[in-house]
C-alpha atoms as a PDB file:
ATOM      1  CA  UNK A   1      56.909   9.796  61.950  1.00  0.00           C
ATOM      2  CA  UNK A   2      57.219  11.783  58.757  1.00  0.00           C
ATOM      3  CA  UNK A   3      59.638  14.700  59.090  1.00  0.00           C
ATOM      4  CA  UNK A   4      58.069  18.132  58.887  1.00  0.00           C
ATOM      5  CA  UNK A   5      59.569  21.340  57.542  1.00  0.00           C
ATOM      6  CA  UNK A   6      59.408  24.685  59.224  1.00  0.00           C
ATOM      7  CA  UNK A   7      60.350  27.871  57.437  1.00  0.00           C
ATOM      8  CA  UNK A   8      63.668  29.514  58.048  1.00  0.00           C
ATOM      9  CA  UNK A   9      63.612  32.609  55.904  1.00  0.00           C
ATOM     10  CA  UNK A  10      64.429  32.756  52.226  1.00  0.00           C
ATOM     11  CA  UNK A  11      65.784  29.631  50.670  1.00  0.00           C
ATOM     12  CA  UNK A  12      65.910  27.367  53.745  1.00  0.00           C
ATOM     13  CA  UNK A  13      63.772  24.743  55.432  1.00  0.00           C
ATOM     14  CA  UNK A  14      64.595  23.363  58.855  1.00  0.00           C
ATOM     15  CA  UNK A  15      63.990  19.632  59.103  1.00  0.00           C
ATOM     16  CA  UNK A  16      62.761  18.206  62.387  1.00  0.00           C
ATOM     17  CA  UNK A  17      61.884  14.680  63.396  1.00  0.00           C
ATOM     18  CA  UNK A  18      58.379  15.571  64.537  1.00  0.00           C
ATOM     19  CA  UNK A  19      59.119  14.532  68.117  1.00  0.00           C
ATOM     20  CA  UNK A  20      61.696  16.701  69.842  1.00  0.00           C
ATOM     21  CA  UNK A  21      62.168  19.510  67.344  1.00  0.00           C
ATOM     22  CA  UNK A  22      65.841  18.679  66.880  1.00  0.00           C
ATOM     23  CA  UNK A  23      67.585  19.739  63.680  1.00  0.00           C
ATOM     24  CA  UNK A  24      68.703  16.977  61.320  1.00  0.00           C
ATOM     25  CA  UNK A  25      72.226  18.267  60.693  1.00  0.00           C
ATOM     26  CA  UNK A  26      73.521  15.921  57.997  1.00  0.00           C
ATOM     27  CA  UNK A  27      76.589  18.051  57.421  1.00  0.00           C
ATOM     28  CA  UNK A  28      78.044  18.034  60.924  1.00  0.00           C
ATOM     29  CA  UNK A  29      78.616  14.413  61.942  1.00  0.00           C
ATOM     30  CA  UNK A  30      82.293  13.655  62.671  1.00  0.00           C
ATOM     31  CA  UNK A  31      84.204  11.422  60.258  1.00  0.00           C
ATOM     32  CA  UNK A  32      85.899   8.427  61.921  1.00  0.00           C
ATOM     33  CA  UNK A  33      89.652   8.024  61.577  1.00  0.00           C
ATOM     34  CA  UNK A  34      89.387   4.764  59.641  1.00  0.00           C
ATOM     35  CA  UNK A  35      87.373   6.144  56.706  1.00  0.00           C
ATOM     36  CA  UNK A  36      89.394   5.471  53.557  1.00  0.00           C
ATOM     37  CA  UNK A  37      89.165   6.154  49.878  1.00  0.00           C
ATOM     38  CA  UNK A  38      87.480   2.869  48.946  1.00  0.00           C
ATOM     39  CA  UNK A  39      84.883   3.069  51.724  1.00  0.00           C
ATOM     40  CA  UNK A  40      83.131   6.238  50.518  1.00  0.00           C
ATOM     41  CA  UNK A  41      80.892   6.160  47.451  1.00  0.00           C
ATOM     42  CA  UNK A  42      80.047   9.045  45.165  1.00  0.00           C
ATOM     43  CA  UNK A  43      77.136  11.045  46.526  1.00  0.00           C
ATOM     44  CA  UNK A  44      77.284   9.338  49.917  1.00  0.00           C
ATOM     45  CA  UNK A  45      76.346  11.184  53.105  1.00  0.00           C
ATOM     46  CA  UNK A  46      79.881  10.498  54.370  1.00  0.00           C
ATOM     47  CA  UNK A  47      81.380  12.891  51.792  1.00  0.00           C
ATOM     48  CA  UNK A  48      78.853  15.557  52.742  1.00  0.00           C
ATOM     49  CA  UNK A  49      79.868  15.216  56.374  1.00  0.00           C
ATOM     50  CA  UNK A  50      83.560  15.126  55.485  1.00  0.00           C
ATOM     51  CA  UNK A  51      83.674  18.364  53.477  1.00  0.00           C
ATOM     52  CA  UNK A  52      81.687  20.174  56.157  1.00  0.00           C
ATOM     53  CA  UNK A  53      83.904  18.914  58.962  1.00  0.00           C
ATOM     54  CA  UNK A  54      87.081  19.799  57.113  1.00  0.00           C
ATOM     55  CA  UNK A  55      85.872  23.247  56.041  1.00  0.00           C
ATOM     56  CA  UNK A  56      84.971  24.043  59.644  1.00  0.00           C
ATOM     57  CA  UNK A  57      88.308  22.806  60.952  1.00  0.00           C
ATOM     58  CA  UNK A  58      90.370  24.830  58.463  1.00  0.00           C
ATOM     59  CA  UNK A  59      88.108  27.870  58.673  1.00  0.00           C
ATOM     60  CA  UNK A  60      88.375  27.973  62.439  1.00  0.00           C
ATOM     61  CA  UNK A  61      92.175  27.922  62.151  1.00  0.00           C
ATOM     62  CA  UNK A  62      91.956  30.966  59.864  1.00  0.00           C
ATOM     63  CA  UNK A  63      89.473  32.637  62.201  1.00  0.00           C
ATOM     64  CA  UNK A  64      92.064  32.427  64.963  1.00  0.00           C
ATOM     65  CA  UNK A  65      94.161  34.961  63.022  1.00  0.00           C
ATOM     66  CA  UNK A  66      91.285  37.306  62.126  1.00  0.00           C
ATOM     67  CA  UNK A  67      91.543  39.698  65.072  1.00  0.00           C
ATOM     68  CA  UNK A  68      95.241  40.112  64.334  1.00  0.00           C
ATOM     69  CA  UNK A  69      94.386  40.882  60.707  1.00  0.00           C
ATOM     70  CA  UNK A  70      91.724  43.420  61.736  1.00  0.00           C
ATOM     71  CA  UNK A  71      94.334  45.229  63.802  1.00  0.00           C
ATOM     72  CA  UNK A  72      96.700  45.230  60.796  1.00  0.00           C
ATOM     73  CA  UNK A  73      99.175  43.185  62.842  1.00  0.00           C
ATOM     74  CA  UNK A  74      99.313  40.081  60.640  1.00  0.00           C
ATOM     75  CA  UNK A  75     102.455  39.986  58.453  1.00  0.00           C
ATOM     76  CA  UNK A  76     101.709  39.722  54.740  1.00  0.00           C
ATOM     77  CA  UNK A  77     103.829  38.430  51.866  1.00  0.00           C
ATOM     78  CA  UNK A  78     103.010  38.384  48.180  1.00  0.00           C
ATOM     79  CA  UNK A  79     102.984  35.573  45.656  1.00  0.00           C
ATOM     80  CA  UNK A  80     104.323  35.795  42.117  1.00  0.00           C
ATOM     81  CA  UNK A  81     100.918  36.893  40.831  1.00  0.00           C
ATOM     82  CA  UNK A  82     100.794  39.755  43.353  1.00  0.00           C
ATOM     83  CA  UNK A  83      98.132  38.200  45.571  1.00  0.00           C
ATOM     84  CA  UNK A  84      98.635  38.372  49.353  1.00  0.00           C
ATOM     85  CA  UNK A  85      99.309  35.368  51.573  1.00  0.00           C
ATOM     86  CA  UNK A  86      99.686  35.079  55.338  1.00  0.00           C
ATOM     87  CA  UNK A  87     100.331  32.570  58.091  1.00  0.00           C
ATOM     88  CA  UNK A  88      96.556  32.225  58.348  1.00  0.00           C
ATOM     89  CA  UNK A  89      96.314  30.894  54.768  1.00  0.00           C
ATOM     90  CA  UNK A  90      99.205  28.499  55.208  1.00  0.00           C
ATOM     91  CA  UNK A  91      98.214  27.359  58.680  1.00  0.00           C
ATOM     92  CA  UNK A  92      94.624  26.633  57.682  1.00  0.00           C
ATOM     93  CA  UNK A  93      95.698  24.641  54.629  1.00  0.00           C
ATOM     94  CA  UNK A  94      98.304  22.710  56.613  1.00  0.00           C
ATOM     95  CA  UNK A  95      95.632  21.730  59.153  1.00  0.00           C
ATOM     96  CA  UNK A  96      93.331  20.622  56.329  1.00  0.00           C
ATOM     97  CA  UNK A  97      96.039  18.480  54.768  1.00  0.00           C
ATOM     98  CA  UNK A  98      96.824  16.839  58.082  1.00  0.00           C
ATOM     99  CA  UNK A  99      93.134  15.914  58.440  1.00  0.00           C
ATOM    100  CA  UNK A 100      92.983  14.454  54.909  1.00  0.00           C
ATOM    101  CA  UNK A 101      96.120  12.413  55.510  1.00  0.00           C
ATOM    102  CA  UNK A 102      94.494  10.955  58.603  1.00  0.00           C
ATOM    103  CA  UNK A 103      91.083  10.184  57.084  1.00  0.00           C
ATOM    104  CA  UNK A 104      91.639   9.789  53.311  1.00  0.00           C
ATOM    105  CA  UNK A 105      95.331   9.051  52.988  1.00  0.00           C
ATOM    106  CA  UNK A 106      95.104   7.557  49.468  1.00  0.00           C
ATOM    107  CA  UNK A 107      93.510  10.681  47.960  1.00  0.00           C
ATOM    108  CA  UNK A 108      95.295  13.482  46.141  1.00  0.00           C
ATOM    109  CA  UNK A 109      95.311  17.033  47.446  1.00  0.00           C
ATOM    110  CA  UNK A 110      95.353  20.294  45.466  1.00  0.00           C
ATOM    111  CA  UNK A 111      95.588  23.468  47.522  1.00  0.00           C
ATOM    112  CA  UNK A 112      96.111  27.119  46.696  1.00  0.00           C
ATOM    113  CA  UNK A 113      99.049  27.579  49.038  1.00  0.00           C
ATOM    114  CA  UNK A 114     100.825  24.209  49.218  1.00  0.00           C
ATOM    115  CA  UNK A 115     100.325  22.732  45.764  1.00  0.00           C
ATOM    116  CA  UNK A 116      99.491  19.231  44.526  1.00  0.00           C
ATOM    117  CA  UNK A 117     100.351  15.821  45.970  1.00  0.00           C
ATOM    118  CA  UNK A 118      99.473  12.375  44.603  1.00  0.00           C
ATOM    119  CA  UNK A 119      98.423  13.719  41.176  1.00  0.00           C
ATOM    120  CA  UNK A 120      97.630  10.199  39.915  1.00  0.00           C
ATOM    121  CA  UNK A 121      95.103   9.461  42.662  1.00  0.00           C
ATOM    122  CA  UNK A 122      91.602   8.669  41.478  1.00  0.00           C
ATOM    123  CA  UNK A 123      90.076  11.179  43.857  1.00  0.00           C
ATOM    124  CA  UNK A 124      91.442  14.528  45.010  1.00  0.00           C
ATOM    125  CA  UNK A 125      90.597  17.179  47.586  1.00  0.00           C
ATOM    126  CA  UNK A 126      90.640  20.786  46.420  1.00  0.00           C
ATOM    127  CA  UNK A 127      91.331  23.436  49.063  1.00  0.00           C
ATOM    128  CA  UNK A 128      91.208  27.200  49.344  1.00  0.00           C
ATOM    129  CA  UNK A 129      91.966  27.980  52.997  1.00  0.00           C
ATOM    130  CA  UNK A 130      90.947  31.647  52.749  1.00  0.00           C
ATOM    131  CA  UNK A 131      88.925  32.717  49.746  1.00  0.00           C
ATOM    132  CA  UNK A 132      88.928  36.487  50.012  1.00  0.00           C
ATOM    133  CA  UNK A 133      92.311  37.132  51.620  1.00  0.00           C
ATOM    134  CA  UNK A 134      92.077  40.838  50.724  1.00  0.00           C
ATOM    135  CA  UNK A 135      88.823  41.098  52.698  1.00  0.00           C
ATOM    136  CA  UNK A 136      90.350  39.057  55.520  1.00  0.00           C
ATOM    137  CA  UNK A 137      93.292  41.431  55.784  1.00  0.00           C
ATOM    138  CA  UNK A 138      90.976  44.448  56.037  1.00  0.00           C
ATOM    139  CA  UNK A 139      88.852  42.928  58.770  1.00  0.00           C
ATOM    140  CA  UNK A 140      85.858  42.391  56.477  1.00  0.00           C
ATOM    141  CA  UNK A 141      84.038  39.146  57.426  1.00  0.00           C
ATOM    142  CA  UNK A 142      83.009  38.147  53.879  1.00  0.00           C
ATOM    143  CA  UNK A 143      85.799  35.589  53.429  1.00  0.00           C
ATOM    144  CA  UNK A 144      85.500  31.843  53.606  1.00  0.00           C
ATOM    145  CA  UNK A 145      87.134  28.441  53.433  1.00  0.00           C
ATOM    146  CA  UNK A 146      86.425  26.226  50.413  1.00  0.00           C
ATOM    147  CA  UNK A 147      86.703  22.437  50.401  1.00  0.00           C
ATOM    148  CA  UNK A 148      85.760  20.079  47.566  1.00  0.00           C
ATOM    149  CA  UNK A 149      86.226  16.430  46.627  1.00  0.00           C
ATOM    150  CA  UNK A 150      86.495  15.581  42.920  1.00  0.00           C
ATOM    151  CA  UNK A 151      87.045  12.641  40.606  1.00  0.00           C
ATOM    152  CA  UNK A 152      88.302  13.893  37.262  1.00  0.00           C
ATOM    153  CA  UNK A 153      86.061  16.784  36.225  1.00  0.00           C
ATOM    154  CA  UNK A 154      83.204  15.664  38.491  1.00  0.00           C
ATOM    155  CA  UNK A 155      82.955  17.332  41.884  1.00  0.00           C
ATOM    156  CA  UNK A 156      81.341  14.945  44.366  1.00  0.00           C
ATOM    157  CA  UNK A 157      80.929  17.274  47.342  1.00  0.00           C
ATOM    158  CA  UNK A 158      81.791  20.789  48.409  1.00  0.00           C
ATOM    159  CA  UNK A 159      81.509  23.210  51.316  1.00  0.00           C
ATOM    160  CA  UNK A 160      81.771  26.955  51.866  1.00  0.00           C
ATOM    161  CA  UNK A 161      82.442  27.957  55.466  1.00  0.00           C
ATOM    162  CA  UNK A 162      82.361  31.674  56.226  1.00  0.00           C
ATOM    163  CA  UNK A 163      83.697  31.448  59.764  1.00  0.00           C
ATOM    164  CA  UNK A 164      83.570  35.143  60.653  1.00  0.00           C
ATOM    165  CA  UNK A 165      79.987  35.408  59.368  1.00  0.00           C
ATOM    166  CA  UNK A 166      78.942  32.194  61.114  1.00  0.00           C
ATOM    167  CA  UNK A 167      77.591  30.520  57.961  1.00  0.00           C
ATOM    168  CA  UNK A 168      78.233  27.131  56.363  1.00  0.00           C
ATOM    169  CA  UNK A 169      76.780  25.611  53.203  1.00  0.00           C
ATOM    170  CA  UNK A 170      77.692  22.050  52.250  1.00  0.00           C
ATOM    171  CA  UNK A 171      76.465  19.819  49.439  1.00  0.00           C
ATOM    172  CA  UNK A 172      77.088  16.432  47.866  1.00  0.00           C
ATOM    173  CA  UNK A 173      75.749  14.895  44.671  1.00  0.00           C
ATOM    174  CA  UNK A 174      72.246  13.586  45.355  1.00  0.00           C
ATOM    175  CA  UNK A 175      72.326  14.762  48.983  1.00  0.00           C
ATOM    176  CA  UNK A 176      71.087  18.322  48.572  1.00  0.00           C
ATOM    177  CA  UNK A 177      72.568  21.547  49.908  1.00  0.00           C
ATOM    178  CA  UNK A 178      72.555  22.348  53.617  1.00  0.00           C
ATOM    179  CA  UNK A 179      72.888  25.761  55.254  1.00  0.00           C
ATOM    180  CA  UNK A 180      73.833  25.658  58.946  1.00  0.00           C
ATOM    181  CA  UNK A 181      72.066  22.299  59.206  1.00  0.00           C
ATOM    182  CA  UNK A 182      68.913  23.252  57.275  1.00  0.00           C
ATOM    183  CA  UNK A 183      68.141  22.259  53.698  1.00  0.00           C
ATOM    184  CA  UNK A 184      68.416  25.285  51.403  1.00  0.00           C
ATOM    185  CA  UNK A 185      67.518  26.199  47.847  1.00  0.00           C
ATOM    186  CA  UNK A 186      68.083  29.046  45.433  1.00  0.00           C
ATOM    187  CA  UNK A 187      65.343  31.639  45.135  1.00  0.00           C
ATOM    188  CA  UNK A 188      62.377  31.233  42.797  1.00  0.00           C
ATOM    189  CA  UNK A 189      62.603  34.858  41.621  1.00  0.00           C
ATOM    190  CA  UNK A 190      61.940  35.038  37.882  1.00  0.00           C
ATOM    191  CA  UNK A 191      61.891  38.804  37.370  1.00  0.00           C
ATOM    192  CA  UNK A 192      65.322  40.373  36.928  1.00  0.00           C
ATOM    193  CA  UNK A 193      63.954  43.756  37.975  1.00  0.00           C
ATOM    194  CA  UNK A 194      63.442  42.310  41.471  1.00  0.00           C
ATOM    195  CA  UNK A 195      66.734  40.391  41.601  1.00  0.00           C
ATOM    196  CA  UNK A 196      69.998  40.902  43.464  1.00  0.00           C
ATOM    197  CA  UNK A 197      73.103  40.341  41.341  1.00  0.00           C
ATOM    198  CA  UNK A 198      76.675  40.194  42.608  1.00  0.00           C
ATOM    199  CA  UNK A 199      80.293  40.135  41.537  1.00  0.00           C
ATOM    200  CA  UNK A 200      83.562  40.399  43.449  1.00  0.00           C
ATOM    201  CA  UNK A 201      84.928  43.505  41.685  1.00  0.00           C
ATOM    202  CA  UNK A 202      82.767  45.335  39.161  1.00  0.00           C
ATOM    203  CA  UNK A 203      85.843  46.922  37.582  1.00  0.00           C
ATOM    204  CA  UNK A 204      86.930  43.450  36.388  1.00  0.00           C
ATOM    205  CA  UNK A 205      90.627  44.276  36.892  1.00  0.00           C
ATOM    206  CA  UNK A 206      91.702  40.728  35.955  1.00  0.00           C
ATOM    207  CA  UNK A 207      89.988  39.123  32.970  1.00  0.00           C
ATOM    208  CA  UNK A 208      92.417  36.386  31.948  1.00  0.00           C
ATOM    209  CA  UNK A 209      94.733  33.988  33.746  1.00  0.00           C
ATOM    210  CA  UNK A 210      97.132  34.091  30.791  1.00  0.00           C
ATOM    211  CA  UNK A 211     100.069  36.232  31.897  1.00  0.00           C
ATOM    212  CA  UNK A 212     101.244  36.416  28.286  1.00  0.00           C
ATOM    213  CA  UNK A 213      97.988  37.780  26.889  1.00  0.00           C
ATOM    214  CA  UNK A 214      98.378  40.838  24.699  1.00  0.00           C
ATOM    215  CA  UNK A 215      97.230  44.233  25.873  1.00  0.00           C
ATOM    216  CA  UNK A 216      94.670  44.279  23.068  1.00  0.00           C
ATOM    217  CA  UNK A 217      93.192  40.960  24.187  1.00  0.00           C
ATOM    218  CA  UNK A 218      93.035  42.038  27.819  1.00  0.00           C
ATOM    219  CA  UNK A 219      91.327  45.281  26.843  1.00  0.00           C
ATOM    220  CA  UNK A 220      88.832  43.471  24.623  1.00  0.00           C
ATOM    221  CA  UNK A 221      88.003  40.890  27.293  1.00  0.00           C
ATOM    222  CA  UNK A 222      87.550  43.561  29.961  1.00  0.00           C
ATOM    223  CA  UNK A 223      85.226  45.558  27.734  1.00  0.00           C
ATOM    224  CA  UNK A 224      83.212  42.447  26.925  1.00  0.00           C
ATOM    225  CA  UNK A 225      82.845  41.364  30.549  1.00  0.00           C
ATOM    226  CA  UNK A 226      82.109  44.861  31.815  1.00  0.00           C
ATOM    227  CA  UNK A 227      79.432  45.261  29.172  1.00  0.00           C
ATOM    228  CA  UNK A 228      77.871  41.924  30.112  1.00  0.00           C
ATOM    229  CA  UNK A 229      77.873  42.715  33.826  1.00  0.00           C
ATOM    230  CA  UNK A 230      76.419  46.166  33.185  1.00  0.00           C
ATOM    231  CA  UNK A 231      73.610  44.729  31.060  1.00  0.00           C
ATOM    232  CA  UNK A 232      72.668  42.455  33.954  1.00  0.00           C
ATOM    233  CA  UNK A 233      73.183  44.936  36.799  1.00  0.00           C
ATOM    234  CA  UNK A 234      71.293  47.824  35.213  1.00  0.00           C
ATOM    235  CA  UNK A 235      68.220  45.596  34.866  1.00  0.00           C
ATOM    236  CA  UNK A 236      68.394  44.225  38.418  1.00  0.00           C
ATOM    237  CA  UNK A 237      66.922  45.665  41.583  1.00  0.00           C
ATOM    238  CA  UNK A 238      70.243  45.483  43.419  1.00  0.00           C
ATOM    239  CA  UNK A 239      73.809  45.169  42.176  1.00  0.00           C
ATOM    240  CA  UNK A 240      76.483  44.674  44.815  1.00  0.00           C
ATOM    241  CA  UNK A 241      80.075  43.520  45.274  1.00  0.00           C
ATOM    242  CA  UNK A 242      79.421  41.133  48.152  1.00  0.00           C
ATOM    243  CA  UNK A 243      82.156  39.099  46.649  1.00  0.00           C
ATOM    244  CA  UNK A 244      84.365  36.043  46.767  1.00  0.00           C
ATOM    245  CA  UNK A 245      82.740  32.849  48.037  1.00  0.00           C
ATOM    246  CA  UNK A 246      80.197  34.705  50.183  1.00  0.00           C
ATOM    247  CA  UNK A 247      78.343  35.805  47.063  1.00  0.00           C
ATOM    248  CA  UNK A 248      77.888  32.177  45.988  1.00  0.00           C
ATOM    249  CA  UNK A 249      76.661  31.276  49.472  1.00  0.00           C
ATOM    250  CA  UNK A 250      74.031  34.006  49.093  1.00  0.00           C
ATOM    251  CA  UNK A 251      72.844  32.522  45.780  1.00  0.00           C
ATOM    252  CA  UNK A 252      72.651  29.004  47.227  1.00  0.00           C
ATOM    253  CA  UNK A 253      70.575  30.214  50.178  1.00  0.00           C
ATOM    254  CA  UNK A 254      68.139  32.280  48.122  1.00  0.00           C
ATOM    255  CA  UNK A 255      69.336  35.732  49.181  1.00  0.00           C
ATOM    256  CA  UNK A 256      70.754  36.700  45.789  1.00  0.00           C
ATOM    257  CA  UNK A 257      69.918  35.538  42.277  1.00  0.00           C
ATOM    258  CA  UNK A 258      73.311  35.718  40.535  1.00  0.00           C
ATOM    259  CA  UNK A 259      77.029  35.847  41.308  1.00  0.00           C
ATOM    260  CA  UNK A 260      79.796  35.954  38.701  1.00  0.00           C
ATOM    261  CA  UNK A 261      83.582  36.220  38.462  1.00  0.00           C
ATOM    262  CA  UNK A 262      85.797  36.627  35.405  1.00  0.00           C
ATOM    263  CA  UNK A 263      88.848  34.607  36.496  1.00  0.00           C
ATOM    264  CA  UNK A 264      88.773  31.666  38.895  1.00  0.00           C
ATOM    265  CA  UNK A 265      91.315  28.994  39.825  1.00  0.00           C
ATOM    266  CA  UNK A 266      90.252  25.369  40.421  1.00  0.00           C
ATOM    267  CA  UNK A 267      90.348  25.858  44.206  1.00  0.00           C
ATOM    268  CA  UNK A 268      88.044  28.872  43.793  1.00  0.00           C
ATOM    269  CA  UNK A 269      85.351  27.047  41.819  1.00  0.00           C
ATOM    270  CA  UNK A 270      85.383  23.360  42.777  1.00  0.00           C
ATOM    271  CA  UNK A 271      83.320  23.689  45.960  1.00  0.00           C
ATOM    272  CA  UNK A 272      80.895  26.140  44.377  1.00  0.00           C
ATOM    273  CA  UNK A 273      79.584  23.761  41.718  1.00  0.00           C
ATOM    274  CA  UNK A 274      77.827  21.205  43.970  1.00  0.00           C
ATOM    275  CA  UNK A 275      76.683  23.897  46.389  1.00  0.00           C
ATOM    276  CA  UNK A 276      74.856  25.800  43.639  1.00  0.00           C
ATOM    277  CA  UNK A 277      73.535  22.836  41.638  1.00  0.00           C
ATOM    278  CA  UNK A 278      72.359  20.848  44.662  1.00  0.00           C
ATOM    279  CA  UNK A 279      70.525  23.986  45.801  1.00  0.00           C
ATOM    280  CA  UNK A 280      68.662  23.916  42.475  1.00  0.00           C
ATOM    281  CA  UNK A 281      70.697  26.561  40.659  1.00  0.00           C
ATOM    282  CA  UNK A 282      72.890  26.686  37.581  1.00  0.00           C
ATOM    283  CA  UNK A 283      76.675  26.872  37.662  1.00  0.00           C
ATOM    284  CA  UNK A 284      78.642  27.508  34.453  1.00  0.00           C
ATOM    285  CA  UNK A 285      81.737  29.288  33.263  1.00  0.00           C
ATOM    286  CA  UNK A 286      81.360  32.693  31.621  1.00  0.00           C
ATOM    287  CA  UNK A 287      80.987  31.015  28.221  1.00  0.00           C
ATOM    288  CA  UNK A 288      77.974  29.068  29.453  1.00  0.00           C
ATOM    289  CA  UNK A 289      79.637  25.673  29.796  1.00  0.00           C
ATOM    290  CA  UNK A 290      78.361  23.721  32.832  1.00  0.00           C
ATOM    291  CA  UNK A 291      81.682  22.932  34.505  1.00  0.00           C
ATOM    292  CA  UNK A 292      83.408  23.364  37.846  1.00  0.00           C
ATOM    293  CA  UNK A 293      86.770  23.977  36.184  1.00  0.00           C
ATOM    294  CA  UNK A 294      86.164  26.518  33.422  1.00  0.00           C
ATOM    295  CA  UNK A 295      88.423  29.273  34.757  1.00  0.00           C
ATOM    296  CA  UNK A 296      85.495  31.650  35.375  1.00  0.00           C
ATOM    297  CA  UNK A 297      82.089  31.348  36.997  1.00  0.00           C
ATOM    298  CA  UNK A 298      78.451  32.367  36.676  1.00  0.00           C
ATOM    299  CA  UNK A 299      76.040  31.092  39.327  1.00  0.00           C
ATOM    300  CA  UNK A 300      72.324  31.804  39.139  1.00  0.00           C
ATOM    301  CA  UNK A 301      69.006  30.524  40.295  1.00  0.00           C
ATOM    302  CA  UNK A 302      67.214  28.376  37.721  1.00  0.00           C
ATOM    303  CA  UNK A 303      64.443  30.841  36.904  1.00  0.00           C
ATOM    304  CA  UNK A 304      66.779  33.623  35.761  1.00  0.00           C
ATOM    305  CA  UNK A 305      69.542  31.422  34.383  1.00  0.00           C
ATOM    306  CA  UNK A 306      68.645  31.779  30.679  1.00  0.00           C
ATOM    307  CA  UNK A 307      67.967  35.525  30.915  1.00  0.00           C
ATOM    308  CA  UNK A 308      71.183  36.393  32.735  1.00  0.00           C
ATOM    309  CA  UNK A 309      73.363  34.258  30.468  1.00  0.00           C
ATOM    310  CA  UNK A 310      71.744  35.733  27.379  1.00  0.00           C
ATOM    311  CA  UNK A 311      72.611  39.211  28.670  1.00  0.00           C
ATOM    312  CA  UNK A 312      76.192  38.110  29.259  1.00  0.00           C
ATOM    313  CA  UNK A 313      76.329  36.781  25.677  1.00  0.00           C
ATOM    314  CA  UNK A 314      77.291  33.332  26.816  1.00  0.00           C
ATOM    315  CA  UNK A 315      77.078  30.010  25.027  1.00  0.00           C
ATOM    316  CA  UNK A 316      74.045  28.386  23.497  1.00  0.00           C
ATOM    317  CA  UNK A 317      74.012  25.457  25.957  1.00  0.00           C
ATOM    318  CA  UNK A 318      73.341  27.626  28.999  1.00  0.00           C
ATOM    319  CA  UNK A 319      70.936  29.892  27.128  1.00  0.00           C
ATOM    320  CA  UNK A 320      68.853  26.813  26.282  1.00  0.00           C
ATOM    321  CA  UNK A 321      68.891  25.611  29.879  1.00  0.00           C
ATOM    322  CA  UNK A 322      71.506  22.864  29.991  1.00  0.00           C
ATOM    323  CA  UNK A 323      73.127  22.303  33.368  1.00  0.00           C
ATOM    324  CA  UNK A 324      74.794  19.632  35.422  1.00  0.00           C
END
């Protein structure tokens, strides 16, 4: 029997088999222990299932510390760049690495907290155990766990799991984007005056990852990015700082039309690229280059992609509609 779709709010369709009404949850099947690097092809359902399973595992580890964080009882230390880190970050990443070693032991791993192993591996997993640690530490549920699988510059699959909010989006090349088991897409909104646009911090306190950048360059970049954001936000219906990975989840599920950040590490952006593009949106860096590893990010639906990037004064490729 042909599957039928039933509506599930903005941006999502629930797929049933036409017989028992059960949800076809392609992103929740467990990965067997004997799955190895050479048994999983690019764009295969197995990678979709794997990133979702791993994101849930690591995110649930982090969630176990969340009540302690909300009570301000979780000890915090600070990395060289001044960003906070806790036992929740390290414990979640350690659990993720243990899972990868069991299921994909030939693959490389790059994580925010525990670094890089097997750098010469053809395929690598990219992990951010808690994206939004500052929110996590203040008891705000808009944090998430990011998991991606990449070969070179190509990201094959990615997942965002916002454990405290109870939301998961997972995507793989050619497999679509799935939100809590239902297929999802970006919104079709084509009028910026009706759009919701987001960023993590609309002050743009960090605008370059170059610690040696001159004060003049930092000031110039901040002015440029602030001006671009303001041009977009003042034309939109709603501008909010529902930030970190949760903002990208909102774009992928059709509840916001744009999300952007000035400075992003590889573990921040890798999972976002397939989630947004498989949901039908555009994902570029701030310069308009369609890449998962550009050091910044602009995610939009397709209808407003050219308009928003033109207002940001980004590159010609994105303004003309090129995406991957």
